[in-house]
Every structure is written in C-alpha cells, then in structure tokens.
C-alpha cells in the first residue's frame, strides 16, 4: 500500500487512485481493530506530526507521511458525508 501511494504522491489526495489505496489501508486496519472515522483521522494526523511515524512512512518516499495524512482526511470527510466511494 505504501509503495503504491509513494508512486502517486504527485496526484491530488482526492483523486480516485489515491482514495482507493486509502480505502485499502483503512480496510487493512480493520483486520486489527474497528477504527472510527475520528480515530482514523487522528491516526493520519499522527503519521504526519510524530517524527517516528514520519520517518517510517517517509522511507517509502519523502513526504509520504504528509500525503497519507491528507488522503486519510479526504477519505474521512467523504465517509462522514456519506459520499464514500471506495
């Protein structure tokens, strides 16, 4: 998932290709626990703000942590509005 996201970081986080991968990430997390949208959004913020998470995700591509955070935010917005497409 992260390698695929790193490969399309030049896209807008709202693009369908990005959102499909974000939805896949969300589904993957559901194998371990049931993240609410609020929790998932907070996790995305932590990916970008916590230096340990940022270092981990940026190994796949510089800036991936922030890109992932933005994509998660879009995903959560759409889900909250009932516009979840993926």
C-alpha atoms as a PDB file:
ATOM      1  CA  UNK A   1       0.000   0.000   0.000  1.00  0.00           C
ATOM      2  CA  UNK A   2       2.716   2.471   0.980  1.00  0.00           C
ATOM      3  CA  UNK A   3       4.872   1.815  -2.057  1.00  0.00           C
ATOM      4  CA  UNK A   4       1.839   2.294  -4.292  1.00  0.00           C
ATOM      5  CA  UNK A   5       0.946   5.550  -2.534  1.00  0.00           C
ATOM      6  CA  UNK A   6       4.539   6.788  -2.799  1.00  0.00           C
ATOM      7  CA  UNK A   7       4.396   6.165  -6.538  1.00  0.00           C
ATOM      8  CA  UNK A   8       1.419   8.525  -6.953  1.00  0.00           C
ATOM      9  CA  UNK A   9       2.287  11.271  -4.470  1.00  0.00           C
ATOM     10  CA  UNK A  10       2.189  13.814  -7.284  1.00  0.00           C
ATOM     11  CA  UNK A  11      -1.588  13.275  -7.508  1.00  0.00           C
ATOM     12  CA  UNK A  12      -4.218  15.182  -5.551  1.00  0.00           C
ATOM     13  CA  UNK A  13      -5.123  13.175  -2.411  1.00  0.00           C
ATOM     14  CA  UNK A  14      -8.767  13.295  -3.559  1.00  0.00           C
ATOM     15  CA  UNK A  15      -8.021  11.503  -6.838  1.00  0.00           C
ATOM     16  CA  UNK A  16      -9.757   8.133  -7.181  1.00  0.00           C
ATOM     17  CA  UNK A  17      -6.490   6.198  -7.475  1.00  0.00           C
ATOM     18  CA  UNK A  18      -5.269   7.686  -4.195  1.00  0.00           C
ATOM     19  CA  UNK A  19      -8.574   7.184  -2.429  1.00  0.00           C
ATOM     20  CA  UNK A  20      -8.731   3.534  -3.497  1.00  0.00           C
ATOM     21  CA  UNK A  21      -5.408   2.962  -1.770  1.00  0.00           C
ATOM     22  CA  UNK A  22      -6.502   4.902   1.314  1.00  0.00           C
ATOM     23  CA  UNK A  23      -9.654   2.771   1.476  1.00  0.00           C
ATOM     24  CA  UNK A  24      -7.468  -0.327   1.202  1.00  0.00           C
ATOM     25  CA  UNK A  25      -5.350   0.989   4.098  1.00  0.00           C
ATOM     26  CA  UNK A  26      -8.499   1.561   6.166  1.00  0.00           C
ATOM     27  CA  UNK A  27      -9.767  -1.968   5.410  1.00  0.00           C
ATOM     28  CA  UNK A  28      -6.378  -3.364   6.368  1.00  0.00           C
ATOM     29  CA  UNK A  29      -6.534  -1.651   9.763  1.00  0.00           C
ATOM     30  CA  UNK A  30      -9.960  -3.209  10.305  1.00  0.00           C
ATOM     31  CA  UNK A  31      -8.220  -6.603  10.484  1.00  0.00           C
ATOM     32  CA  UNK A  32      -6.862  -5.480  13.854  1.00  0.00           C
ATOM     33  CA  UNK A  33      -9.497  -3.120  15.290  1.00  0.00           C
ATOM     34  CA  UNK A  34     -12.510  -1.072  14.207  1.00  0.00           C
ATOM     35  CA  UNK A  35     -11.267   2.487  13.713  1.00  0.00           C
ATOM     36  CA  UNK A  36     -13.928   5.151  13.832  1.00  0.00           C
ATOM     37  CA  UNK A  37     -13.550   7.979  11.341  1.00  0.00           C
ATOM     38  CA  UNK A  38     -12.432  10.252  14.171  1.00  0.00           C
ATOM     39  CA  UNK A  39      -9.783   7.759  15.227  1.00  0.00           C
ATOM     40  CA  UNK A  40      -8.631   7.194  11.644  1.00  0.00           C
ATOM     41  CA  UNK A  41      -8.362  10.942  11.029  1.00  0.00           C
ATOM     42  CA  UNK A  42      -6.314  11.302  14.224  1.00  0.00           C
ATOM     43  CA  UNK A  43      -4.069   8.456  13.147  1.00  0.00           C
ATOM     44  CA  UNK A  44      -3.446  10.251   9.877  1.00  0.00           C
ATOM     45  CA  UNK A  45      -2.519  13.427  11.722  1.00  0.00           C
ATOM     46  CA  UNK A  46      -0.145  11.443  13.908  1.00  0.00           C
ATOM     47  CA  UNK A  47       1.548   9.936  10.839  1.00  0.00           C
ATOM     48  CA  UNK A  48       2.484  13.469   9.752  1.00  0.00           C
ATOM     49  CA  UNK A  49       3.219  15.051  13.121  1.00  0.00           C
ATOM     50  CA  UNK A  50       5.034  12.350  15.082  1.00  0.00           C
ATOM     51  CA  UNK A  51       8.662  12.173  13.972  1.00  0.00           C
ATOM     52  CA  UNK A  52       8.822   8.393  14.460  1.00  0.00           C
ATOM     53  CA  UNK A  53       5.827   7.756  12.201  1.00  0.00           C
ATOM     54  CA  UNK A  54       7.018  10.332   9.709  1.00  0.00           C
ATOM     55  CA  UNK A  55      10.428   8.665   9.495  1.00  0.00           C
ATOM     56  CA  UNK A  56       8.807   5.265   8.967  1.00  0.00           C
ATOM     57  CA  UNK A  57       6.458   6.313   6.162  1.00  0.00           C
ATOM     58  CA  UNK A  58       8.931   8.635   4.502  1.00  0.00           C
ATOM     59  CA  UNK A  59      11.205   5.622   3.915  1.00  0.00           C
ATOM     60  CA  UNK A  60       8.820   4.766   1.084  1.00  0.00           C
ATOM     61  CA  UNK A  61       9.057   8.268  -0.365  1.00  0.00           C
ATOM     62  CA  UNK A  62       9.943  11.651   1.090  1.00  0.00           C
ATOM     63  CA  UNK A  63       6.685  13.335   2.039  1.00  0.00           C
ATOM     64  CA  UNK A  64       4.585  10.168   2.148  1.00  0.00           C
ATOM     65  CA  UNK A  65       3.553  10.699   5.775  1.00  0.00           C
ATOM     66  CA  UNK A  66       2.015  14.088   4.987  1.00  0.00           C
ATOM     67  CA  UNK A  67       0.471  12.802   1.750  1.00  0.00           C
ATOM     68  CA  UNK A  68      -1.036   9.822   3.592  1.00  0.00           C
ATOM     69  CA  UNK A  69      -2.407  12.155   6.257  1.00  0.00           C
ATOM     70  CA  UNK A  70      -4.068  14.352   3.627  1.00  0.00           C
ATOM     71  CA  UNK A  71      -5.511  11.316   1.852  1.00  0.00           C
ATOM     72  CA  UNK A  72      -6.913   9.972   5.113  1.00  0.00           C
ATOM     73  CA  UNK A  73      -8.514  13.341   5.836  1.00  0.00           C
ATOM     74  CA  UNK A  74     -10.254  13.347   2.439  1.00  0.00           C
ATOM     75  CA  UNK A  75     -11.385   9.755   2.981  1.00  0.00           C
ATOM     76  CA  UNK A  76     -12.861  10.604   6.383  1.00  0.00           C
ATOM     77  CA  UNK A  77     -14.603  13.717   5.045  1.00  0.00           C
ATOM     78  CA  UNK A  78     -16.241  11.734   2.264  1.00  0.00           C
ATOM     79  CA  UNK A  79     -17.243   8.891   4.565  1.00  0.00           C
ATOM     80  CA  UNK A  80     -18.768  11.322   7.073  1.00  0.00           C
ATOM     81  CA  UNK A  81     -20.806  12.920   4.294  1.00  0.00           C
ATOM     82  CA  UNK A  82     -21.979   9.529   3.050  1.00  0.00           C
ATOM     83  CA  UNK A  83     -20.006  10.008  -0.137  1.00  0.00           C
ATOM     84  CA  UNK A  84     -17.614   7.141   0.457  1.00  0.00           C
ATOM     85  CA  UNK A  85     -16.915   5.786  -2.988  1.00  0.00           C
ATOM     86  CA  UNK A  86     -14.247   3.240  -2.313  1.00  0.00           C
END
